[in-house]
């Protein structure tokens, strides 16, 4: 059974960086497109980035994170990463990875001084 597990969240100061990980078990991630989403309290879930399984792993970013976040995959580790730089308080949210109808439980990112 496919399971996605996010990690790497935490408390970071504005301007800081975090690298989130999405590790999969029960399936080989390199065959699938993977997305990262986030949801802040009282707000709708927001799509941030995705990486394809083909075309060299082409990527897409939402305007809110373009230029600050980078999605990547390590097929050998069966893991997808989301590197976030120049973090802002408005980046505070629960971050989730997604593959089709499968979601992880999320990892909390809090950006605060």
C-alpha atoms as a PDB file:
ATOM      1  CA  UNK A   1       0.000   0.000   0.000  1.00  0.00           C
ATOM      2  CA  UNK A   2       1.330   3.405  -0.990  1.00  0.00           C
ATOM      3  CA  UNK A   3       2.311   5.681   1.875  1.00  0.00           C
ATOM      4  CA  UNK A   4       3.701   9.214   1.653  1.00  0.00           C
ATOM      5  CA  UNK A   5       5.510  10.689   4.657  1.00  0.00           C
ATOM      6  CA  UNK A   6       6.504  14.340   4.829  1.00  0.00           C
ATOM      7  CA  UNK A   7       9.269  15.631   7.093  1.00  0.00           C
ATOM      8  CA  UNK A   8      11.563  18.611   7.525  1.00  0.00           C
ATOM      9  CA  UNK A   9       9.115  21.192   8.795  1.00  0.00           C
ATOM     10  CA  UNK A  10       9.743  23.370  11.802  1.00  0.00           C
ATOM     11  CA  UNK A  11      10.146  26.908  13.061  1.00  0.00           C
ATOM     12  CA  UNK A  12      12.298  29.210  10.949  1.00  0.00           C
ATOM     13  CA  UNK A  13      12.938  32.933  11.040  1.00  0.00           C
ATOM     14  CA  UNK A  14      11.859  35.173   8.151  1.00  0.00           C
ATOM     15  CA  UNK A  15      14.435  34.998   5.397  1.00  0.00           C
ATOM     16  CA  UNK A  16      15.487  31.521   6.418  1.00  0.00           C
ATOM     17  CA  UNK A  17      15.338  28.202   4.560  1.00  0.00           C
ATOM     18  CA  UNK A  18      13.919  24.730   4.992  1.00  0.00           C
ATOM     19  CA  UNK A  19      14.049  21.552   2.950  1.00  0.00           C
ATOM     20  CA  UNK A  20      10.962  19.390   3.107  1.00  0.00           C
ATOM     21  CA  UNK A  21      11.058  15.710   2.182  1.00  0.00           C
ATOM     22  CA  UNK A  22       8.342  13.421   0.882  1.00  0.00           C
ATOM     23  CA  UNK A  23       9.338   9.787   1.208  1.00  0.00           C
ATOM     24  CA  UNK A  24       7.276   7.067  -0.400  1.00  0.00           C
ATOM     25  CA  UNK A  25       6.812   3.425   0.368  1.00  0.00           C
ATOM     26  CA  UNK A  26       4.755   0.903  -1.546  1.00  0.00           C
ATOM     27  CA  UNK A  27       5.369   2.526  -4.928  1.00  0.00           C
ATOM     28  CA  UNK A  28       8.225   3.832  -7.048  1.00  0.00           C
ATOM     29  CA  UNK A  29       7.934   7.594  -7.247  1.00  0.00           C
ATOM     30  CA  UNK A  30       9.842   8.006 -10.493  1.00  0.00           C
ATOM     31  CA  UNK A  31       6.831   6.722 -12.432  1.00  0.00           C
ATOM     32  CA  UNK A  32       4.548   9.467 -11.123  1.00  0.00           C
ATOM     33  CA  UNK A  33       4.127  13.212 -11.059  1.00  0.00           C
ATOM     34  CA  UNK A  34       4.411  14.523  -7.503  1.00  0.00           C
ATOM     35  CA  UNK A  35       3.037  17.750  -6.111  1.00  0.00           C
ATOM     36  CA  UNK A  36       3.519  19.861  -2.999  1.00  0.00           C
ATOM     37  CA  UNK A  37       0.607  21.741  -1.458  1.00  0.00           C
ATOM     38  CA  UNK A  38       0.073  23.777   1.677  1.00  0.00           C
ATOM     39  CA  UNK A  39      -2.867  24.833   3.797  1.00  0.00           C
ATOM     40  CA  UNK A  40      -2.894  27.638   6.318  1.00  0.00           C
ATOM     41  CA  UNK A  41      -5.591  27.879   9.014  1.00  0.00           C
ATOM     42  CA  UNK A  42      -8.828  29.201   7.560  1.00  0.00           C
ATOM     43  CA  UNK A  43      -7.529  29.060   3.998  1.00  0.00           C
ATOM     44  CA  UNK A  44      -7.982  26.700   1.076  1.00  0.00           C
ATOM     45  CA  UNK A  45      -5.321  24.184   0.163  1.00  0.00           C
ATOM     46  CA  UNK A  46      -2.878  25.778  -2.282  1.00  0.00           C
ATOM     47  CA  UNK A  47      -0.857  23.990  -4.951  1.00  0.00           C
ATOM     48  CA  UNK A  48       2.781  25.095  -4.831  1.00  0.00           C
ATOM     49  CA  UNK A  49       4.889  22.976  -7.129  1.00  0.00           C
ATOM     50  CA  UNK A  50       4.914  19.759  -9.066  1.00  0.00           C
ATOM     51  CA  UNK A  51       7.461  17.663 -10.874  1.00  0.00           C
ATOM     52  CA  UNK A  52       6.707  15.330 -13.743  1.00  0.00           C
ATOM     53  CA  UNK A  53       7.830  11.764 -14.184  1.00  0.00           C
ATOM     54  CA  UNK A  54       8.905  12.373 -17.768  1.00  0.00           C
ATOM     55  CA  UNK A  55      10.586  15.058 -19.863  1.00  0.00           C
ATOM     56  CA  UNK A  56      13.537  15.164 -17.491  1.00  0.00           C
ATOM     57  CA  UNK A  57      11.328  15.944 -14.562  1.00  0.00           C
ATOM     58  CA  UNK A  58       9.822  19.212 -15.763  1.00  0.00           C
ATOM     59  CA  UNK A  59       8.563  21.447 -12.993  1.00  0.00           C
ATOM     60  CA  UNK A  60       5.764  23.894 -12.316  1.00  0.00           C
ATOM     61  CA  UNK A  61       5.547  26.551  -9.596  1.00  0.00           C
ATOM     62  CA  UNK A  62       2.778  28.723  -8.279  1.00  0.00           C
ATOM     63  CA  UNK A  63       3.447  32.448  -8.504  1.00  0.00           C
ATOM     64  CA  UNK A  64       3.477  32.687  -4.717  1.00  0.00           C
ATOM     65  CA  UNK A  65       6.649  30.575  -4.482  1.00  0.00           C
ATOM     66  CA  UNK A  66       8.282  30.954  -7.892  1.00  0.00           C
ATOM     67  CA  UNK A  67      11.925  31.928  -7.521  1.00  0.00           C
ATOM     68  CA  UNK A  68      12.000  30.956  -3.839  1.00  0.00           C
ATOM     69  CA  UNK A  69      11.029  27.270  -3.800  1.00  0.00           C
ATOM     70  CA  UNK A  70      12.554  24.393  -5.745  1.00  0.00           C
ATOM     71  CA  UNK A  71      11.072  20.937  -6.213  1.00  0.00           C
ATOM     72  CA  UNK A  72      13.359  18.021  -6.979  1.00  0.00           C
ATOM     73  CA  UNK A  73      13.338  14.262  -6.853  1.00  0.00           C
ATOM     74  CA  UNK A  74      15.852  11.599  -5.898  1.00  0.00           C
ATOM     75  CA  UNK A  75      14.661   8.399  -7.512  1.00  0.00           C
ATOM     76  CA  UNK A  76      17.310   6.328  -5.766  1.00  0.00           C
ATOM     77  CA  UNK A  77      15.939   7.486  -2.405  1.00  0.00           C
ATOM     78  CA  UNK A  78      12.310   7.361  -3.633  1.00  0.00           C
ATOM     79  CA  UNK A  79      11.936  10.870  -2.240  1.00  0.00           C
ATOM     80  CA  UNK A  80      10.767  14.232  -3.521  1.00  0.00           C
ATOM     81  CA  UNK A  81      12.057  17.436  -1.942  1.00  0.00           C
ATOM     82  CA  UNK A  82      10.819  20.987  -1.649  1.00  0.00           C
ATOM     83  CA  UNK A  83      13.538  23.525  -0.883  1.00  0.00           C
ATOM     84  CA  UNK A  84      12.152  26.795   0.403  1.00  0.00           C
ATOM     85  CA  UNK A  85      14.356  29.897   0.607  1.00  0.00           C
ATOM     86  CA  UNK A  86      13.680  33.493   1.632  1.00  0.00           C
ATOM     87  CA  UNK A  87      10.780  32.275   3.727  1.00  0.00           C
ATOM     88  CA  UNK A  88       8.090  34.745   4.757  1.00  0.00           C
ATOM     89  CA  UNK A  89       5.540  34.675   7.589  1.00  0.00           C
ATOM     90  CA  UNK A  90       2.851  34.048   4.977  1.00  0.00           C
ATOM     91  CA  UNK A  91       4.567  30.751   4.132  1.00  0.00           C
ATOM     92  CA  UNK A  92       3.380  29.437   7.493  1.00  0.00           C
ATOM     93  CA  UNK A  93       1.171  26.433   6.819  1.00  0.00           C
ATOM     94  CA  UNK A  94       0.889  22.669   6.881  1.00  0.00           C
ATOM     95  CA  UNK A  95       2.728  21.309   3.861  1.00  0.00           C
ATOM     96  CA  UNK A  96       1.607  18.149   2.080  1.00  0.00           C
ATOM     97  CA  UNK A  97       2.892  16.038  -0.787  1.00  0.00           C
ATOM     98  CA  UNK A  98       0.541  14.398  -3.222  1.00  0.00           C
ATOM     99  CA  UNK A  99       0.604  11.629  -5.774  1.00  0.00           C
ATOM    100  CA  UNK A 100      -2.712  11.112  -7.528  1.00  0.00           C
ATOM    101  CA  UNK A 101      -5.300  10.434  -4.832  1.00  0.00           C
ATOM    102  CA  UNK A 102      -2.645   9.815  -2.181  1.00  0.00           C
ATOM    103  CA  UNK A 103      -1.716  12.395   0.440  1.00  0.00           C
ATOM    104  CA  UNK A 104       0.713  12.412   3.311  1.00  0.00           C
ATOM    105  CA  UNK A 105      -0.189  13.598   6.804  1.00  0.00           C
ATOM    106  CA  UNK A 106       1.745  16.832   6.326  1.00  0.00           C
ATOM    107  CA  UNK A 107       4.568  18.687   8.044  1.00  0.00           C
ATOM    108  CA  UNK A 108       4.123  22.041   9.766  1.00  0.00           C
ATOM    109  CA  UNK A 109       6.188  25.040   8.691  1.00  0.00           C
ATOM    110  CA  UNK A 110       6.111  28.143  10.866  1.00  0.00           C
ATOM    111  CA  UNK A 111       7.935  31.283   9.799  1.00  0.00           C
ATOM    112  CA  UNK A 112       8.231  33.686  12.677  1.00  0.00           C
ATOM    113  CA  UNK A 113      10.769  35.792  14.529  1.00  0.00           C
END
